[in-house]
Amino acid sequence: MKTLNQKQLNKIGDDLYKKHGKSLEDKHWGEYVAISKQGKIVLSPDLNEVFKESLQKLGPGSFVFKVGEKAIWKWRGLQY
């Protein structure tokens, strides 16, 4: 399995947010969104809920953002 460096992860995260998260800013500013590489999303005002629900629904590898703000995590779950 190929490990991505931080620059590559940042690029993937930026692209995912632009494509799938930016449109949420008008109605969901300040909430948290998990976005899978396939573009599926989980949205919640609670960060812990987004982590938990995204792992269940999307599996490991999703990126988590605070909508409208430059805060990002890659949620790997149990897969590294």
C-alpha atoms as a PDB file:
ATOM      1  CA  MET A   1       0.000   0.000   0.000  1.00  0.00           C
ATOM      2  CA  LYS A   2       1.395   3.397  -1.017  1.00  0.00           C
ATOM      3  CA  THR A   3       1.627   5.991   1.752  1.00  0.00           C
ATOM      4  CA  LEU A   4       0.815   9.546   0.717  1.00  0.00           C
ATOM      5  CA  ASN A   5       2.826  12.461   2.022  1.00  0.00           C
ATOM      6  CA  GLN A   6       1.248  15.504   3.669  1.00  0.00           C
ATOM      7  CA  LYS A   7       1.385  17.594   0.493  1.00  0.00           C
ATOM      8  CA  GLN A   8      -0.518  14.911  -1.430  1.00  0.00           C
ATOM      9  CA  LEU A   9      -3.096  14.563   1.351  1.00  0.00           C
ATOM     10  CA  ASN A  10      -3.581  18.353   1.448  1.00  0.00           C
ATOM     11  CA  LYS A  11      -4.176  18.421  -2.315  1.00  0.00           C
ATOM     12  CA  ILE A  12      -6.748  15.622  -2.131  1.00  0.00           C
ATOM     13  CA  GLY A  13      -8.470  17.333   0.805  1.00  0.00           C
ATOM     14  CA  ASP A  14      -8.547  20.722  -0.934  1.00  0.00           C
ATOM     15  CA  ASP A  15      -9.978  19.186  -4.089  1.00  0.00           C
ATOM     16  CA  LEU A  16     -12.653  17.248  -2.177  1.00  0.00           C
ATOM     17  CA  TYR A  17     -13.716  20.335  -0.237  1.00  0.00           C
ATOM     18  CA  LYS A  18     -13.925  22.495  -3.365  1.00  0.00           C
ATOM     19  CA  LYS A  19     -15.975  19.863  -5.176  1.00  0.00           C
ATOM     20  CA  HIS A  20     -18.268  18.624  -2.373  1.00  0.00           C
ATOM     21  CA  GLY A  21     -17.968  20.897   0.675  1.00  0.00           C
ATOM     22  CA  LYS A  22     -17.935  24.457  -0.652  1.00  0.00           C
ATOM     23  CA  SER A  23     -21.618  24.302  -1.644  1.00  0.00           C
ATOM     24  CA  LEU A  24     -22.537  23.555   2.005  1.00  0.00           C
ATOM     25  CA  GLU A  25     -21.228  26.910   3.270  1.00  0.00           C
ATOM     26  CA  ASP A  26     -24.474  28.870   2.816  1.00  0.00           C
ATOM     27  CA  LYS A  27     -26.608  26.579   4.972  1.00  0.00           C
ATOM     28  CA  HIS A  28     -24.128  24.665   7.142  1.00  0.00           C
ATOM     29  CA  TRP A  29     -21.353  27.143   8.081  1.00  0.00           C
ATOM     30  CA  GLY A  30     -19.522  25.965  11.193  1.00  0.00           C
ATOM     31  CA  GLU A  31     -20.817  22.386  11.024  1.00  0.00           C
ATOM     32  CA  TYR A  32     -18.545  19.433  10.328  1.00  0.00           C
ATOM     33  CA  VAL A  33     -18.539  17.355   7.168  1.00  0.00           C
ATOM     34  CA  ALA A  34     -16.755  14.114   6.326  1.00  0.00           C
ATOM     35  CA  ILE A  35     -16.145  13.586   2.630  1.00  0.00           C
ATOM     36  CA  SER A  36     -15.044  10.281   1.148  1.00  0.00           C
ATOM     37  CA  LYS A  37     -12.791  10.088  -1.895  1.00  0.00           C
ATOM     38  CA  GLN A  38     -15.915   9.001  -3.812  1.00  0.00           C
ATOM     39  CA  GLY A  39     -17.703  12.229  -2.814  1.00  0.00           C
ATOM     40  CA  LYS A  40     -20.100  10.774  -0.250  1.00  0.00           C
ATOM     41  CA  ILE A  41     -20.683  13.023   2.764  1.00  0.00           C
ATOM     42  CA  VAL A  42     -21.706  12.903   6.413  1.00  0.00           C
ATOM     43  CA  LEU A  43     -22.734  16.215   7.985  1.00  0.00           C
ATOM     44  CA  SER A  44     -23.278  17.140  11.657  1.00  0.00           C
ATOM     45  CA  PRO A  45     -22.820  20.081  14.032  1.00  0.00           C
ATOM     46  CA  ASP A  46     -20.969  17.673  16.363  1.00  0.00           C
ATOM     47  CA  LEU A  47     -17.390  16.698  15.477  1.00  0.00           C
ATOM     48  CA  ASN A  48     -17.463  13.420  17.417  1.00  0.00           C
ATOM     49  CA  GLU A  49     -20.673  12.428  15.649  1.00  0.00           C
ATOM     50  CA  VAL A  50     -19.100  13.096  12.244  1.00  0.00           C
ATOM     51  CA  PHE A  51     -16.111  10.912  13.118  1.00  0.00           C
ATOM     52  CA  LYS A  52     -18.298   8.087  14.402  1.00  0.00           C
ATOM     53  CA  GLU A  53     -20.900   8.225  11.633  1.00  0.00           C
ATOM     54  CA  SER A  54     -18.381   8.641   8.827  1.00  0.00           C
ATOM     55  CA  LEU A  55     -16.423   5.593   9.936  1.00  0.00           C
ATOM     56  CA  GLN A  56     -19.649   3.555   9.996  1.00  0.00           C
ATOM     57  CA  LYS A  57     -21.111   4.881   6.726  1.00  0.00           C
ATOM     58  CA  LEU A  58     -18.047   5.781   4.665  1.00  0.00           C
ATOM     59  CA  GLY A  59     -15.322   3.606   6.140  1.00  0.00           C
ATOM     60  CA  PRO A  60     -11.743   4.707   6.810  1.00  0.00           C
ATOM     61  CA  GLY A  61     -10.030   7.249   4.582  1.00  0.00           C
ATOM     62  CA  SER A  62     -12.536  10.113   4.689  1.00  0.00           C
ATOM     63  CA  PHE A  63     -11.502  13.727   5.136  1.00  0.00           C
ATOM     64  CA  VAL A  64     -13.203  15.822   7.821  1.00  0.00           C
ATOM     65  CA  PHE A  65     -13.681  19.575   7.497  1.00  0.00           C
ATOM     66  CA  LYS A  66     -15.305  22.350   9.437  1.00  0.00           C
ATOM     67  CA  VAL A  67     -17.574  23.911   6.829  1.00  0.00           C
ATOM     68  CA  GLY A  68     -16.387  27.364   5.850  1.00  0.00           C
ATOM     69  CA  GLU A  69     -13.199  27.271   7.887  1.00  0.00           C
ATOM     70  CA  LYS A  70      -9.727  25.975   7.096  1.00  0.00           C
ATOM     71  CA  ALA A  71      -9.693  23.054   9.532  1.00  0.00           C
ATOM     72  CA  ILE A  72      -9.122  19.589   8.112  1.00  0.00           C
ATOM     73  CA  TRP A  73      -8.475  16.052   9.305  1.00  0.00           C
ATOM     74  CA  LYS A  74      -8.041  12.825   7.427  1.00  0.00           C
ATOM     75  CA  TRP A  75      -9.986  10.195   9.279  1.00  0.00           C
ATOM     76  CA  ARG A  76      -8.092   6.951   8.832  1.00  0.00           C
ATOM     77  CA  GLY A  77      -9.967   4.930  11.404  1.00  0.00           C
ATOM     78  CA  LEU A  78      -8.332   1.556  11.712  1.00  0.00           C
ATOM     79  CA  GLN A  79      -6.647   1.599   8.298  1.00  0.00           C
ATOM     80  CA  TYR A  80      -3.192   3.168   7.918  1.00  0.00           C
END
